[in-house]
Amino acid sequence: MSAPATAPASVKRTPLYDLHRELGAKLIDFGGWEMPVQYSGIMEEHRAVRDCLDALPPEKRAAVLGRFYADLEYGELAAATGEKTDTVRIRVGRALPDLRECLERKGGKL
């Protein structure tokens, strides 16, 4: 039986390192820090995100997908939807806690 892999001495660990390990995170070197990249299988995480996005009201789902999937700036998203920039910004801001709550119920994090 081999010993568990350890990070190179040059890789730093955050104060949350032990919690990430306890939760079963796959850790990678990210900018000199050992950071979590995945907690469960990629397909399981993908399905959880899709399920939680689908649970959002259509206008919130569209705002989140436009902002983070299509990588549109708030002004671009507002122009595409015919709404004010502040309306889009508020809608995204209100959607994220809903998405976070849903993912936490499924055992994930946002």
C-alpha atoms as a PDB file:
ATOM      1  CA  MET A   1       0.000   0.000   0.000  1.00  0.00           C
ATOM      2  CA  SER A   2       1.457   3.363  -0.982  1.00  0.00           C
ATOM      3  CA  ALA A   3       1.483   6.484   1.164  1.00  0.00           C
ATOM      4  CA  PRO A   4      -0.984   9.250   0.302  1.00  0.00           C
ATOM      5  CA  ALA A   5       0.320  11.798  -2.165  1.00  0.00           C
ATOM      6  CA  THR A   6       1.544  15.009  -0.613  1.00  0.00           C
ATOM      7  CA  ALA A   7       1.836  18.430  -2.162  1.00  0.00           C
ATOM      8  CA  PRO A   8       5.283  19.741  -3.073  1.00  0.00           C
ATOM      9  CA  ALA A   9       6.798  21.913  -0.341  1.00  0.00           C
ATOM     10  CA  SER A  10       6.360  25.007  -2.524  1.00  0.00           C
ATOM     11  CA  VAL A  11       2.557  24.604  -2.694  1.00  0.00           C
ATOM     12  CA  LYS A  12       0.714  26.515   0.048  1.00  0.00           C
ATOM     13  CA  ARG A  13      -2.453  25.397   1.788  1.00  0.00           C
ATOM     14  CA  THR A  14      -5.351  27.576   2.875  1.00  0.00           C
ATOM     15  CA  PRO A  15      -6.853  27.351   6.367  1.00  0.00           C
ATOM     16  CA  LEU A  16      -9.700  25.364   4.753  1.00  0.00           C
ATOM     17  CA  TYR A  17      -7.382  22.643   3.414  1.00  0.00           C
ATOM     18  CA  ASP A  18      -8.380  20.050   6.042  1.00  0.00           C
ATOM     19  CA  LEU A  19     -12.087  20.700   5.425  1.00  0.00           C
ATOM     20  CA  HIS A  20     -11.618  20.264   1.657  1.00  0.00           C
ATOM     21  CA  ARG A  21      -9.844  16.950   2.266  1.00  0.00           C
ATOM     22  CA  GLU A  22     -12.533  15.825   4.714  1.00  0.00           C
ATOM     23  CA  LEU A  23     -15.215  16.594   2.102  1.00  0.00           C
ATOM     24  CA  GLY A  24     -13.365  14.468  -0.461  1.00  0.00           C
ATOM     25  CA  ALA A  25     -12.194  17.266  -2.752  1.00  0.00           C
ATOM     26  CA  LYS A  26      -9.831  16.623  -5.639  1.00  0.00           C
ATOM     27  CA  LEU A  27      -7.068  19.173  -5.031  1.00  0.00           C
ATOM     28  CA  ILE A  28      -4.795  20.791  -7.611  1.00  0.00           C
ATOM     29  CA  ASP A  29      -1.980  23.335  -7.622  1.00  0.00           C
ATOM     30  CA  PHE A  30      -3.563  26.662  -8.565  1.00  0.00           C
ATOM     31  CA  GLY A  31      -1.189  29.602  -8.539  1.00  0.00           C
ATOM     32  CA  GLY A  32       0.983  28.037  -5.870  1.00  0.00           C
ATOM     33  CA  TRP A  33      -1.960  27.086  -3.641  1.00  0.00           C
ATOM     34  CA  GLU A  34      -3.444  23.621  -3.230  1.00  0.00           C
ATOM     35  CA  MET A  35      -7.091  24.287  -4.109  1.00  0.00           C
ATOM     36  CA  PRO A  36     -10.210  22.124  -4.593  1.00  0.00           C
ATOM     37  CA  VAL A  37     -11.327  21.641  -8.167  1.00  0.00           C
ATOM     38  CA  GLN A  38     -13.997  18.985  -7.708  1.00  0.00           C
ATOM     39  CA  TYR A  39     -15.846  17.316  -4.828  1.00  0.00           C
ATOM     40  CA  SER A  40     -17.733  14.533  -6.542  1.00  0.00           C
ATOM     41  CA  GLY A  41     -17.922  13.195 -10.057  1.00  0.00           C
ATOM     42  CA  ILE A  42     -18.007  15.808 -12.803  1.00  0.00           C
ATOM     43  CA  MET A  43     -21.274  14.472 -14.207  1.00  0.00           C
ATOM     44  CA  GLU A  44     -22.920  14.499 -10.766  1.00  0.00           C
ATOM     45  CA  GLU A  45     -21.841  18.126 -10.272  1.00  0.00           C
ATOM     46  CA  HIS A  46     -23.003  19.044 -13.779  1.00  0.00           C
ATOM     47  CA  ARG A  47     -26.439  17.510 -13.172  1.00  0.00           C
ATOM     48  CA  ALA A  48     -26.779  19.317  -9.835  1.00  0.00           C
ATOM     49  CA  VAL A  49     -26.005  22.680 -11.434  1.00  0.00           C
ATOM     50  CA  ARG A  50     -28.399  22.023 -14.331  1.00  0.00           C
ATOM     51  CA  ASP A  51     -31.170  20.908 -11.949  1.00  0.00           C
ATOM     52  CA  CYS A  52     -30.722  24.014  -9.818  1.00  0.00           C
ATOM     53  CA  LEU A  53     -30.646  26.302 -12.859  1.00  0.00           C
ATOM     54  CA  ASP A  54     -33.824  24.642 -14.133  1.00  0.00           C
ATOM     55  CA  ALA A  55     -35.472  25.299 -10.760  1.00  0.00           C
ATOM     56  CA  LEU A  56     -34.959  29.069 -11.097  1.00  0.00           C
ATOM     57  CA  PRO A  57     -37.740  31.203 -12.563  1.00  0.00           C
ATOM     58  CA  PRO A  58     -37.110  31.759 -16.301  1.00  0.00           C
ATOM     59  CA  GLU A  59     -36.004  35.395 -15.970  1.00  0.00           C
ATOM     60  CA  LYS A  60     -33.469  34.561 -13.248  1.00  0.00           C
ATOM     61  CA  ARG A  61     -32.208  31.511 -15.164  1.00  0.00           C
ATOM     62  CA  ALA A  62     -31.751  33.595 -18.328  1.00  0.00           C
ATOM     63  CA  ALA A  63     -29.878  36.289 -16.389  1.00  0.00           C
ATOM     64  CA  VAL A  64     -27.490  33.789 -14.764  1.00  0.00           C
ATOM     65  CA  LEU A  65     -26.860  31.907 -18.018  1.00  0.00           C
ATOM     66  CA  GLY A  66     -26.318  35.137 -19.938  1.00  0.00           C
ATOM     67  CA  ARG A  67     -23.935  36.538 -17.366  1.00  0.00           C
ATOM     68  CA  PHE A  68     -21.894  33.454 -16.485  1.00  0.00           C
ATOM     69  CA  TYR A  69     -22.355  30.963 -19.328  1.00  0.00           C
ATOM     70  CA  ALA A  70     -22.420  33.379 -22.277  1.00  0.00           C
ATOM     71  CA  ASP A  71     -20.003  35.682 -20.378  1.00  0.00           C
ATOM     72  CA  LEU A  72     -22.034  38.792 -21.221  1.00  0.00           C
ATOM     73  CA  GLU A  73     -21.398  41.971 -19.276  1.00  0.00           C
ATOM     74  CA  TYR A  74     -24.442  43.426 -17.528  1.00  0.00           C
ATOM     75  CA  GLY A  75     -24.808  46.126 -20.182  1.00  0.00           C
ATOM     76  CA  GLU A  76     -24.646  43.579 -23.005  1.00  0.00           C
ATOM     77  CA  LEU A  77     -27.187  41.381 -21.275  1.00  0.00           C
ATOM     78  CA  ALA A  78     -29.472  44.384 -20.729  1.00  0.00           C
ATOM     79  CA  ALA A  79     -29.243  45.319 -24.419  1.00  0.00           C
ATOM     80  CA  ALA A  80     -30.012  41.719 -25.431  1.00  0.00           C
ATOM     81  CA  THR A  81     -33.081  41.544 -23.185  1.00  0.00           C
ATOM     82  CA  GLY A  82     -34.286  45.128 -23.604  1.00  0.00           C
ATOM     83  CA  GLU A  83     -34.045  45.767 -19.857  1.00  0.00           C
ATOM     84  CA  LYS A  84     -32.143  48.331 -17.816  1.00  0.00           C
ATOM     85  CA  THR A  85     -28.624  47.402 -16.735  1.00  0.00           C
ATOM     86  CA  ASP A  86     -29.540  47.814 -13.059  1.00  0.00           C
ATOM     87  CA  THR A  87     -32.523  45.468 -13.512  1.00  0.00           C
ATOM     88  CA  VAL A  88     -30.253  42.776 -14.945  1.00  0.00           C
ATOM     89  CA  ARG A  89     -27.640  43.283 -12.216  1.00  0.00           C
ATOM     90  CA  ILE A  90     -30.308  43.000  -9.498  1.00  0.00           C
ATOM     91  CA  ARG A  91     -31.845  39.919 -11.122  1.00  0.00           C
ATOM     92  CA  VAL A  92     -28.479  38.137 -11.218  1.00  0.00           C
ATOM     93  CA  GLY A  93     -27.795  39.228  -7.638  1.00  0.00           C
ATOM     94  CA  ARG A  94     -31.107  37.777  -6.491  1.00  0.00           C
ATOM     95  CA  ALA A  95     -30.667  34.555  -8.469  1.00  0.00           C
ATOM     96  CA  LEU A  96     -27.274  33.627  -7.005  1.00  0.00           C
ATOM     97  CA  PRO A  97     -28.492  33.042  -3.418  1.00  0.00           C
ATOM     98  CA  ASP A  98     -31.302  30.859  -4.797  1.00  0.00           C
ATOM     99  CA  LEU A  99     -28.802  28.875  -6.839  1.00  0.00           C
ATOM    100  CA  ARG A 100     -26.416  28.613  -3.883  1.00  0.00           C
ATOM    101  CA  GLU A 101     -29.204  27.384  -1.577  1.00  0.00           C
ATOM    102  CA  CYS A 102     -30.291  24.741  -4.087  1.00  0.00           C
ATOM    103  CA  LEU A 103     -26.735  23.475  -4.578  1.00  0.00           C
ATOM    104  CA  GLU A 104     -26.142  23.323  -0.829  1.00  0.00           C
ATOM    105  CA  ARG A 105     -29.280  21.203  -0.443  1.00  0.00           C
ATOM    106  CA  LYS A 106     -27.726  18.835  -2.985  1.00  0.00           C
ATOM    107  CA  GLY A 107     -24.480  18.758  -0.992  1.00  0.00           C
ATOM    108  CA  GLY A 108     -22.505  21.142  -3.197  1.00  0.00           C
ATOM    109  CA  LYS A 109     -21.143  24.658  -3.009  1.00  0.00           C
ATOM    110  CA  LEU A 110     -21.286  27.697  -5.235  1.00  0.00           C
END
